């Protein structure tokens, strides 16, 4: 996978944390959503998570139906946030795709 070239390591790690929490049925508290808790852009979280789910399903031979609920939430995030309102992220969107020239 080329995730490490597409996104900063911290953003990929946040998406892994998101997927692990979702698989264990852990939810954010206090009315917050995942991008806010993890301090990542919803589009980046959705893109990375979908790529990881496809990779896992391909390698492990899993049925993609297992990821249906997660995919639905990710689609909502990418199209304007889970709550329907896209919130600006603190940090000015620094986790959006950027070249890894650092």
PDB file of N, CA and C in Angstrom:
ATOM      1  N   UNK A   1       0.835  -1.186   0.000  1.00  0.00           N
ATOM      2  CA  UNK A   1       0.000   0.000   0.000  1.00  0.00           C
ATOM      3  C   UNK A   1       0.878   1.247   0.000  1.00  0.00           C
ATOM      4  N   UNK A   2       0.337   2.307  -0.525  1.00  0.00           N
ATOM      5  CA  UNK A   2       1.080   3.565  -0.595  1.00  0.00           C
ATOM      6  C   UNK A   2       0.556   4.597   0.403  1.00  0.00           C
ATOM      7  N   UNK A   3      -0.122   4.156   1.425  1.00  0.00           N
ATOM      8  CA  UNK A   3      -0.679   5.083   2.412  1.00  0.00           C
ATOM      9  C   UNK A   3       0.390   5.987   3.023  1.00  0.00           C
ATOM     10  N   UNK A   4       1.566   5.422   3.262  1.00  0.00           N
ATOM     11  CA  UNK A   4       2.636   6.216   3.884  1.00  0.00           C
ATOM     12  C   UNK A   4       3.137   7.318   2.957  1.00  0.00           C
ATOM     13  N   UNK A   5       2.856   7.208   1.671  1.00  0.00           N
ATOM     14  CA  UNK A   5       3.225   8.252   0.721  1.00  0.00           C
ATOM     15  C   UNK A   5       2.098   9.264   0.530  1.00  0.00           C
ATOM     16  N   UNK A   6       0.877   8.816   0.789  1.00  0.00           N
ATOM     17  CA  UNK A   6      -0.291   9.669   0.583  1.00  0.00           C
ATOM     18  C   UNK A   6      -0.598  10.563   1.780  1.00  0.00           C
ATOM     19  N   UNK A   7      -0.295  10.076   2.990  1.00  0.00           N
ATOM     20  CA  UNK A   7      -0.686  10.769   4.216  1.00  0.00           C
ATOM     21  C   UNK A   7       0.448  10.739   5.234  1.00  0.00           C
ATOM     22  N   UNK A   8       0.463  11.713   6.145  1.00  0.00           N
ATOM     23  CA  UNK A   8       1.441  11.684   7.240  1.00  0.00           C
ATOM     24  C   UNK A   8       1.201  10.466   8.143  1.00  0.00           C
ATOM     25  N   UNK A   9       2.256   9.984   8.769  1.00  0.00           N
ATOM     26  CA  UNK A   9       2.163   8.792   9.626  1.00  0.00           C
ATOM     27  C   UNK A   9       1.134   8.965  10.734  1.00  0.00           C
ATOM     28  N   UNK A  10       1.056  10.145  11.315  1.00  0.00           N
ATOM     29  CA  UNK A  10       0.105  10.390  12.396  1.00  0.00           C
ATOM     30  C   UNK A  10      -1.339  10.206  11.926  1.00  0.00           C
ATOM     31  N   UNK A  11      -1.626  10.625  10.702  1.00  0.00           N
ATOM     32  CA  UNK A  11      -2.975  10.501  10.157  1.00  0.00           C
ATOM     33  C   UNK A  11      -3.315   9.036   9.902  1.00  0.00           C
ATOM     34  N   UNK A  12      -2.355   8.271   9.389  1.00  0.00           N
ATOM     35  CA  UNK A  12      -2.571   6.836   9.174  1.00  0.00           C
ATOM     36  C   UNK A  12      -2.790   6.140  10.516  1.00  0.00           C
ATOM     37  N   UNK A  13      -1.999   6.496  11.518  1.00  0.00           N
ATOM     38  CA  UNK A  13      -2.161   5.909  12.855  1.00  0.00           C
ATOM     39  C   UNK A  13      -3.529   6.248  13.437  1.00  0.00           C
ATOM     40  N   UNK A  14      -4.000   7.452  13.211  1.00  0.00           N
ATOM     41  CA  UNK A  14      -5.324   7.846  13.702  1.00  0.00           C
ATOM     42  C   UNK A  14      -6.423   7.020  13.043  1.00  0.00           C
ATOM     43  N   UNK A  15      -6.276   6.749  11.761  1.00  0.00           N
ATOM     44  CA  UNK A  15      -7.262   5.920  11.063  1.00  0.00           C
ATOM     45  C   UNK A  15      -7.238   4.488  11.597  1.00  0.00           C
ATOM     46  N   UNK A  16      -6.062   3.975  11.920  1.00  0.00           N
ATOM     47  CA  UNK A  16      -5.962   2.633  12.518  1.00  0.00           C
ATOM     48  C   UNK A  16      -6.649   2.609  13.882  1.00  0.00           C
ATOM     49  N   UNK A  17      -6.461   3.673  14.650  1.00  0.00           N
ATOM     50  CA  UNK A  17      -7.125   3.783  15.950  1.00  0.00           C
ATOM     51  C   UNK A  17      -8.636   3.815  15.761  1.00  0.00           C
ATOM     52  N   UNK A  18      -9.100   4.586  14.789  1.00  0.00           N
ATOM     53  CA  UNK A  18     -10.534   4.665  14.488  1.00  0.00           C
ATOM     54  C   UNK A  18     -11.094   3.278  14.167  1.00  0.00           C
ATOM     55  N   UNK A  19     -10.429   2.557  13.261  1.00  0.00           N
ATOM     56  CA  UNK A  19     -10.918   1.233  12.871  1.00  0.00           C
ATOM     57  C   UNK A  19     -10.910   0.260  14.048  1.00  0.00           C
ATOM     58  N   UNK A  20      -9.864   0.294  14.857  1.00  0.00           N
ATOM     59  CA  UNK A  20      -9.803  -0.588  16.030  1.00  0.00           C
ATOM     60  C   UNK A  20     -10.943  -0.285  16.998  1.00  0.00           C
ATOM     61  N   UNK A  21     -11.196   0.990  17.225  1.00  0.00           N
ATOM     62  CA  UNK A  21     -12.291   1.376  18.126  1.00  0.00           C
ATOM     63  C   UNK A  21     -13.639   0.950  17.562  1.00  0.00           C
ATOM     64  N   UNK A  22     -13.837   1.149  16.283  1.00  0.00           N
ATOM     65  CA  UNK A  22     -15.110   0.759  15.671  1.00  0.00           C
ATOM     66  C   UNK A  22     -15.322  -0.751  15.739  1.00  0.00           C
ATOM     67  N   UNK A  23     -14.263  -1.525  15.506  1.00  0.00           N
ATOM     68  CA  UNK A  23     -14.383  -2.987  15.561  1.00  0.00           C
ATOM     69  C   UNK A  23     -14.693  -3.462  16.978  1.00  0.00           C
ATOM     70  N   UNK A  24     -14.251  -2.709  17.974  1.00  0.00           N
ATOM     71  CA  UNK A  24     -14.514  -3.053  19.386  1.00  0.00           C
ATOM     72  C   UNK A  24     -15.755  -2.341  19.927  1.00  0.00           C
ATOM     73  N   UNK A  25     -16.484  -1.677  19.032  1.00  0.00           N
ATOM     74  CA  UNK A  25     -17.720  -0.977  19.394  1.00  0.00           C
ATOM     75  C   UNK A  25     -17.517   0.151  20.408  1.00  0.00           C
ATOM     76  N   UNK A  26     -16.375   0.817  20.330  1.00  0.00           N
ATOM     77  CA  UNK A  26     -16.084   1.973  21.175  1.00  0.00           C
ATOM     78  C   UNK A  26     -16.546   3.219  20.420  1.00  0.00           C
ATOM     79  N   UNK A  27     -17.217   4.113  21.127  1.00  0.00           N
ATOM     80  CA  UNK A  27     -17.721   5.350  20.529  1.00  0.00           C
ATOM     81  C   UNK A  27     -17.198   6.558  21.296  1.00  0.00           C
ATOM     82  N   UNK A  28     -17.026   7.696  20.627  1.00  0.00           N
ATOM     83  CA  UNK A  28     -16.629   8.914  21.341  1.00  0.00           C
ATOM     84  C   UNK A  28     -17.736   9.350  22.303  1.00  0.00           C
ATOM     85  N   UNK A  29     -17.353  10.018  23.357  1.00  0.00           N
ATOM     86  CA  UNK A  29     -18.329  10.498  24.336  1.00  0.00           C
ATOM     87  C   UNK A  29     -18.522  12.002  24.180  1.00  0.00           C
ATOM     88  N   UNK A  30     -19.543  12.502  24.810  1.00  0.00           N
ATOM     89  CA  UNK A  30     -19.772  13.938  24.832  1.00  0.00           C
ATOM     90  C   UNK A  30     -20.269  14.528  23.528  1.00  0.00           C
ATOM     91  N   UNK A  31     -20.871  13.708  22.670  1.00  0.00           N
ATOM     92  CA  UNK A  31     -21.406  14.224  21.419  1.00  0.00           C
ATOM     93  C   UNK A  31     -20.363  14.564  20.371  1.00  0.00           C
ATOM     94  N   UNK A  32     -19.122  14.190  20.615  1.00  0.00           N
ATOM     95  CA  UNK A  32     -18.053  14.461  19.644  1.00  0.00           C
ATOM     96  C   UNK A  32     -18.051  13.375  18.580  1.00  0.00           C
ATOM     97  N   UNK A  33     -17.490  13.694  17.422  1.00  0.00           N
ATOM     98  CA  UNK A  33     -17.359  12.685  16.380  1.00  0.00           C
ATOM     99  C   UNK A  33     -15.887  12.301  16.224  1.00  0.00           C
ATOM    100  N   UNK A  34     -15.644  11.224  15.480  1.00  0.00           N
ATOM    101  CA  UNK A  34     -14.288  10.678  15.375  1.00  0.00           C
ATOM    102  C   UNK A  34     -13.260  11.669  14.838  1.00  0.00           C
ATOM    103  N   UNK A  35     -13.537  12.399  13.765  1.00  0.00           N
ATOM    104  CA  UNK A  35     -12.514  13.343  13.286  1.00  0.00           C
ATOM    105  C   UNK A  35     -12.122  14.368  14.346  1.00  0.00           C
ATOM    106  N   UNK A  36     -13.094  14.804  15.137  1.00  0.00           N
ATOM    107  CA  UNK A  36     -12.801  15.766  16.199  1.00  0.00           C
ATOM    108  C   UNK A  36     -11.946  15.132  17.293  1.00  0.00           C
ATOM    109  N   UNK A  37     -12.280  13.910  17.674  1.00  0.00           N
ATOM    110  CA  UNK A  37     -11.533  13.209  18.724  1.00  0.00           C
ATOM    111  C   UNK A  37     -10.099  12.930  18.280  1.00  0.00           C
ATOM    112  N   UNK A  38      -9.945  12.501  17.034  1.00  0.00           N
ATOM    113  CA  UNK A  38      -8.631  12.105  16.527  1.00  0.00           C
ATOM    114  C   UNK A  38      -7.842  13.261  15.909  1.00  0.00           C
ATOM    115  N   UNK A  39      -8.471  14.415  15.765  1.00  0.00           N
ATOM    116  CA  UNK A  39      -7.829  15.600  15.181  1.00  0.00           C
ATOM    117  C   UNK A  39      -7.332  15.338  13.759  1.00  0.00           C
ATOM    118  N   UNK A  40      -8.228  14.770  12.941  1.00  0.00           N
ATOM    119  CA  UNK A  40      -7.923  14.536  11.527  1.00  0.00           C
ATOM    120  C   UNK A  40      -9.091  15.030  10.685  1.00  0.00           C
ATOM    121  N   UNK A  41      -8.814  15.329   9.436  1.00  0.00           N
ATOM    122  CA  UNK A  41      -9.861  15.736   8.506  1.00  0.00           C
ATOM    123  C   UNK A  41     -10.746  14.529   8.188  1.00  0.00           C
ATOM    124  N   UNK A  42     -12.064  14.728   8.099  1.00  0.00           N
ATOM    125  CA  UNK A  42     -12.970  13.622   7.779  1.00  0.00           C
ATOM    126  C   UNK A  42     -12.628  12.933   6.460  1.00  0.00           C
ATOM    127  N   UNK A  43     -12.254  13.705   5.431  1.00  0.00           N
ATOM    128  CA  UNK A  43     -11.912  13.112   4.139  1.00  0.00           C
ATOM    129  C   UNK A  43     -10.697  12.195   4.243  1.00  0.00           C
ATOM    130  N   UNK A  44      -9.692  12.627   4.986  1.00  0.00           N
ATOM    131  CA  UNK A  44      -8.488  11.810   5.155  1.00  0.00           C
ATOM    132  C   UNK A  44      -8.806  10.544   5.937  1.00  0.00           C
ATOM    133  N   UNK A  45      -9.577  10.678   7.012  1.00  0.00           N
ATOM    134  CA  UNK A  45      -9.957   9.516   7.818  1.00  0.00           C
ATOM    135  C   UNK A  45     -10.734   8.512   6.977  1.00  0.00           C
ATOM    136  N   UNK A  46     -11.666   9.003   6.180  1.00  0.00           N
ATOM    137  CA  UNK A  46     -12.467   8.119   5.333  1.00  0.00           C
ATOM    138  C   UNK A  46     -11.605   7.430   4.280  1.00  0.00           C
ATOM    139  N   UNK A  47     -10.747   8.178   3.611  1.00  0.00           N
ATOM    140  CA  UNK A  47      -9.913   7.608   2.558  1.00  0.00           C
ATOM    141  C   UNK A  47      -8.980   6.522   3.087  1.00  0.00           C
ATOM    142  N   UNK A  48      -8.299   6.820   4.170  1.00  0.00           N
ATOM    143  CA  UNK A  48      -7.363   5.849   4.749  1.00  0.00           C
ATOM    144  C   UNK A  48      -8.108   4.617   5.243  1.00  0.00           C
ATOM    145  N   UNK A  49      -9.206   4.825   5.940  1.00  0.00           N
ATOM    146  CA  UNK A  49      -9.957   3.706   6.509  1.00  0.00           C
ATOM    147  C   UNK A  49     -10.486   2.777   5.424  1.00  0.00           C
ATOM    148  N   UNK A  50     -11.006   3.346   4.347  1.00  0.00           N
ATOM    149  CA  UNK A  50     -11.515   2.519   3.249  1.00  0.00           C
ATOM    150  C   UNK A  50     -10.377   1.713   2.631  1.00  0.00           C
ATOM    151  N   UNK A  51      -9.230   2.354   2.414  1.00  0.00           N
ATOM    152  CA  UNK A  51      -8.092   1.629   1.841  1.00  0.00           C
ATOM    153  C   UNK A  51      -7.635   0.493   2.751  1.00  0.00           C
ATOM    154  N   UNK A  52      -7.608   0.751   4.058  1.00  0.00           N
ATOM    155  CA  UNK A  52      -7.205  -0.294   5.007  1.00  0.00           C
ATOM    156  C   UNK A  52      -8.215  -1.435   5.043  1.00  0.00           C
ATOM    157  N   UNK A  53      -9.508  -1.100   5.021  1.00  0.00           N
ATOM    158  CA  UNK A  53     -10.532  -2.148   5.045  1.00  0.00           C
ATOM    159  C   UNK A  53     -10.448  -3.020   3.802  1.00  0.00           C
ATOM    160  N   UNK A  54     -10.229  -2.396   2.649  1.00  0.00           N
ATOM    161  CA  UNK A  54     -10.093  -3.171   1.415  1.00  0.00           C
ATOM    162  C   UNK A  54      -8.864  -4.069   1.466  1.00  0.00           C
ATOM    163  N   UNK A  55      -7.771  -3.554   2.011  1.00  0.00           N
ATOM    164  CA  UNK A  55      -6.546  -4.339   2.135  1.00  0.00           C
ATOM    165  C   UNK A  55      -6.747  -5.530   3.068  1.00  0.00           C
ATOM    166  N   UNK A  56      -7.385  -5.284   4.202  1.00  0.00           N
ATOM    167  CA  UNK A  56      -7.647  -6.353   5.168  1.00  0.00           C
ATOM    168  C   UNK A  56      -8.551  -7.409   4.556  1.00  0.00           C
ATOM    169  N   UNK A  57      -9.615  -6.981   3.908  1.00  0.00           N
ATOM    170  CA  UNK A  57     -10.559  -7.926   3.313  1.00  0.00           C
ATOM    171  C   UNK A  57      -9.882  -8.759   2.229  1.00  0.00           C
ATOM    172  N   UNK A  58      -9.019  -8.115   1.451  1.00  0.00           N
ATOM    173  CA  UNK A  58      -8.316  -8.812   0.378  1.00  0.00           C
ATOM    174  C   UNK A  58      -7.330  -9.840   0.932  1.00  0.00           C
ATOM    175  N   UNK A  59      -6.557  -9.453   1.936  1.00  0.00           N
ATOM    176  CA  UNK A  59      -5.523 -10.333   2.488  1.00  0.00           C
ATOM    177  C   UNK A  59      -6.097 -11.439   3.368  1.00  0.00           C
ATOM    178  N   UNK A  60      -7.116 -11.114   4.129  1.00  0.00           N
ATOM    179  CA  UNK A  60      -7.676 -12.081   5.074  1.00  0.00           C
ATOM    180  C   UNK A  60      -8.851 -12.858   4.496  1.00  0.00           C
ATOM    181  N   UNK A  61      -9.298 -12.495   3.311  1.00  0.00           N
ATOM    182  CA  UNK A  61     -10.423 -13.183   2.710  1.00  0.00           C
ATOM    183  C   UNK A  61     -11.737 -12.894   3.414  1.00  0.00           C
ATOM    184  N   UNK A  62     -11.816 -11.763   4.089  1.00  0.00           N
ATOM    185  CA  UNK A  62     -13.033 -11.384   4.811  1.00  0.00           C
ATOM    186  C   UNK A  62     -14.112 -10.952   3.833  1.00  0.00           C
ATOM    187  N   UNK A  63     -15.336 -11.076   4.287  1.00  0.00           N
ATOM    188  CA  UNK A  63     -16.471 -10.574   3.537  1.00  0.00           C
ATOM    189  C   UNK A  63     -16.572  -9.071   3.789  1.00  0.00           C
ATOM    190  N   UNK A  64     -16.665  -8.287   2.740  1.00  0.00           N
ATOM    191  CA  UNK A  64     -16.754  -6.837   2.907  1.00  0.00           C
ATOM    192  C   UNK A  64     -18.010  -6.406   3.654  1.00  0.00           C
ATOM    193  N   UNK A  65     -18.987  -7.295   3.798  1.00  0.00           N
ATOM    194  CA  UNK A  65     -20.205  -6.963   4.543  1.00  0.00           C
ATOM    195  C   UNK A  65     -19.887  -6.638   5.997  1.00  0.00           C
ATOM    196  N   UNK A  66     -18.789  -7.193   6.509  1.00  0.00           N
ATOM    197  CA  UNK A  66     -18.370  -6.914   7.886  1.00  0.00           C
ATOM    198  C   UNK A  66     -18.126  -5.420   8.072  1.00  0.00           C
ATOM    199  N   UNK A  67     -17.666  -4.764   7.032  1.00  0.00           N
ATOM    200  CA  UNK A  67     -17.312  -3.355   7.110  1.00  0.00           C
ATOM    201  C   UNK A  67     -18.439  -2.419   6.667  1.00  0.00           C
ATOM    202  N   UNK A  68     -19.623  -2.953   6.414  1.00  0.00           N
ATOM    203  CA  UNK A  68     -20.717  -2.147   5.864  1.00  0.00           C
ATOM    204  C   UNK A  68     -21.081  -0.962   6.764  1.00  0.00           C
ATOM    205  N   UNK A  69     -21.223  -1.196   8.054  1.00  0.00           N
ATOM    206  CA  UNK A  69     -21.596  -0.131   8.984  1.00  0.00           C
ATOM    207  C   UNK A  69     -20.508   0.937   9.057  1.00  0.00           C
ATOM    208  N   UNK A  70     -19.262   0.490   9.109  1.00  0.00           N
ATOM    209  CA  UNK A  70     -18.143   1.433   9.167  1.00  0.00           C
ATOM    210  C   UNK A  70     -18.093   2.251   7.877  1.00  0.00           C
ATOM    211  N   UNK A  71     -18.256   1.589   6.759  1.00  0.00           N
ATOM    212  CA  UNK A  71     -18.218   2.276   5.458  1.00  0.00           C
ATOM    213  C   UNK A  71     -19.322   3.329   5.367  1.00  0.00           C
ATOM    214  N   UNK A  72     -20.498   3.001   5.882  1.00  0.00           N
ATOM    215  CA  UNK A  72     -21.609   3.944   5.875  1.00  0.00           C
ATOM    216  C   UNK A  72     -21.259   5.204   6.669  1.00  0.00           C
ATOM    217  N   UNK A  73     -20.669   5.014   7.850  1.00  0.00           N
ATOM    218  CA  UNK A  73     -20.263   6.159   8.663  1.00  0.00           C
ATOM    219  C   UNK A  73     -19.177   6.971   7.961  1.00  0.00           C
ATOM    220  N   UNK A  74     -18.238   6.285   7.322  1.00  0.00           N
ATOM    221  CA  UNK A  74     -17.163   6.977   6.607  1.00  0.00           C
ATOM    222  C   UNK A  74     -17.711   7.796   5.442  1.00  0.00           C
ATOM    223  N   UNK A  75     -18.695   7.249   4.736  1.00  0.00           N
ATOM    224  CA  UNK A  75     -19.309   7.986   3.636  1.00  0.00           C
ATOM    225  C   UNK A  75     -19.976   9.259   4.149  1.00  0.00           C
ATOM    226  N   UNK A  76     -20.627   9.163   5.300  1.00  0.00           N
ATOM    227  CA  UNK A  76     -21.259  10.347   5.898  1.00  0.00           C
ATOM    228  C   UNK A  76     -20.200  11.375   6.286  1.00  0.00           C
ATOM    229  N   UNK A  77     -19.094  10.900   6.857  1.00  0.00           N
ATOM    230  CA  UNK A  77     -18.009  11.808   7.244  1.00  0.00           C
ATOM    231  C   UNK A  77     -17.460  12.552   6.036  1.00  0.00           C
ATOM    232  N   UNK A  78     -17.184  11.804   4.984  1.00  0.00           N
ATOM    233  CA  UNK A  78     -16.561  12.385   3.798  1.00  0.00           C
ATOM    234  C   UNK A  78     -17.484  13.370   3.089  1.00  0.00           C
ATOM    235  N   UNK A  79     -18.794  13.180   3.241  1.00  0.00           N
ATOM    236  CA  UNK A  79     -19.728  14.054   2.532  1.00  0.00           C
ATOM    237  C   UNK A  79     -20.233  15.217   3.375  1.00  0.00           C
ATOM    238  N   UNK A  80     -19.666  15.407   4.540  1.00  0.00           N
ATOM    239  CA  UNK A  80     -20.084  16.558   5.313  1.00  0.00           C
ATOM    240  C   UNK A  80     -20.160  16.322   6.792  1.00  0.00           C
ATOM    241  N   UNK A  81     -19.543  15.296   7.262  1.00  0.00           N
ATOM    242  CA  UNK A  81     -19.523  15.040   8.697  1.00  0.00           C
ATOM    243  C   UNK A  81     -20.632  14.112   9.131  1.00  0.00           C
ATOM    244  N   UNK A  82     -20.393  13.418  10.207  1.00  0.00           N
ATOM    245  CA  UNK A  82     -21.344  12.452  10.741  1.00  0.00           C
ATOM    246  C   UNK A  82     -22.630  13.139  11.140  1.00  0.00           C
ATOM    247  N   UNK A  83     -22.519  14.311  11.733  1.00  0.00           N
ATOM    248  CA  UNK A  83     -23.704  15.024  12.189  1.00  0.00           C
ATOM    249  C   UNK A  83     -24.354  15.818  11.064  1.00  0.00           C
ATOM    250  N   UNK A  84     -23.769  15.754   9.862  1.00  0.00           N
ATOM    251  CA  UNK A  84     -24.321  16.480   8.737  1.00  0.00           C
ATOM    252  C   UNK A  84     -23.708  17.863   8.560  1.00  0.00           C
ATOM    253  N   UNK A  85     -22.865  18.267   9.493  1.00  0.00           N
ATOM    254  CA  UNK A  85     -22.210  19.571   9.416  1.00  0.00           C
ATOM    255  C   UNK A  85     -20.708  19.346   9.409  1.00  0.00           C
ATOM    256  N   UNK A  86     -20.056  19.797   8.374  1.00  0.00           N
ATOM    257  CA  UNK A  86     -18.607  19.643   8.297  1.00  0.00           C
ATOM    258  C   UNK A  86     -17.965  20.717   9.145  1.00  0.00           C
ATOM    259  N   UNK A  87     -17.210  20.289  10.135  1.00  0.00           N
ATOM    260  CA  UNK A  87     -16.574  21.227  11.056  1.00  0.00           C
ATOM    261  C   UNK A  87     -15.132  21.464  10.644  1.00  0.00           C
ATOM    262  N   UNK A  88     -14.674  22.704  10.749  1.00  0.00           N
ATOM    263  CA  UNK A  88     -13.248  22.934  10.492  1.00  0.00           C
ATOM    264  C   UNK A  88     -12.425  22.307  11.605  1.00  0.00           C
ATOM    265  N   UNK A  89     -11.303  21.738  11.241  1.00  0.00           N
ATOM    266  CA  UNK A  89     -10.442  21.086  12.222  1.00  0.00           C
ATOM    267  C   UNK A  89      -9.476  22.107  12.790  1.00  0.00           C
ATOM    268  N   UNK A  90      -9.163  21.952  14.076  1.00  0.00           N
ATOM    269  CA  UNK A  90      -8.137  22.809  14.647  1.00  0.00           C
ATOM    270  C   UNK A  90      -6.813  22.444  14.000  1.00  0.00           C
ATOM    271  N   UNK A  91      -5.979  23.399  13.778  1.00  0.00           N
ATOM    272  CA  UNK A  91      -4.704  23.128  13.114  1.00  0.00           C
ATOM    273  C   UNK A  91      -4.741  23.474  11.641  1.00  0.00           C
ATOM    274  N   UNK A  92      -5.872  23.978  11.159  1.00  0.00           N
ATOM    275  CA  UNK A  92      -5.939  24.457   9.786  1.00  0.00           C
ATOM    276  C   UNK A  92      -5.896  23.387   8.726  1.00  0.00           C
ATOM    277  N   UNK A  93      -6.319  22.151   9.058  1.00  0.00           N
ATOM    278  CA  UNK A  93      -6.372  21.111   8.050  1.00  0.00           C
ATOM    279  C   UNK A  93      -5.021  20.577   7.659  1.00  0.00           C
ATOM    280  N   UNK A  94      -4.097  20.519   8.585  1.00  0.00           N
ATOM    281  CA  UNK A  94      -2.736  20.101   8.263  1.00  0.00           C
ATOM    282  C   UNK A  94      -2.617  18.619   7.949  1.00  0.00           C
ATOM    283  N   UNK A  95      -3.686  17.826   8.191  1.00  0.00           N
ATOM    284  CA  UNK A  95      -3.621  16.398   7.922  1.00  0.00           C
ATOM    285  C   UNK A  95      -4.172  16.025   6.550  1.00  0.00           C
ATOM    286  N   UNK A  96      -4.503  17.006   5.742  1.00  0.00           N
ATOM    287  CA  UNK A  96      -4.981  16.740   4.407  1.00  0.00           C
ATOM    288  C   UNK A  96      -3.793  16.279   3.576  1.00  0.00           C
ATOM    289  N   UNK A  97      -4.068  15.522   2.491  1.00  0.00           N
ATOM    290  CA  UNK A  97      -2.989  15.004   1.655  1.00  0.00           C
ATOM    291  C   UNK A  97      -1.973  16.093   1.340  1.00  0.00           C
ATOM    292  N   UNK A  98      -0.723  15.740   1.499  1.00  0.00           N
ATOM    293  CA  UNK A  98       0.347  16.670   1.154  1.00  0.00           C
ATOM    294  C   UNK A  98       1.575  15.860   0.783  1.00  0.00           C
ATOM    295  N   UNK A  99       2.433  16.413  -0.038  1.00  0.00           N
ATOM    296  CA  UNK A  99       3.639  15.683  -0.429  1.00  0.00           C
ATOM    297  C   UNK A  99       4.528  15.411   0.774  1.00  0.00           C
ATOM    298  N   UNK A 100       5.198  14.281   0.749  1.00  0.00           N
ATOM    299  CA  UNK A 100       6.090  13.903   1.848  1.00  0.00           C
ATOM    300  C   UNK A 100       7.516  14.294   1.479  1.00  0.00           C
ATOM    301  N   UNK A 101       7.784  15.582   1.463  1.00  0.00           N
ATOM    302  CA  UNK A 101       9.105  16.086   1.107  1.00  0.00           C
ATOM    303  C   UNK A 101       9.877  16.561   2.312  1.00  0.00           C
ATOM    304  N   UNK A 102       9.329  16.363   3.486  1.00  0.00           N
ATOM    305  CA  UNK A 102       9.933  16.874   4.720  1.00  0.00           C
ATOM    306  C   UNK A 102      11.173  16.111   5.098  1.00  0.00           C
TER     307      UNK A 102
END
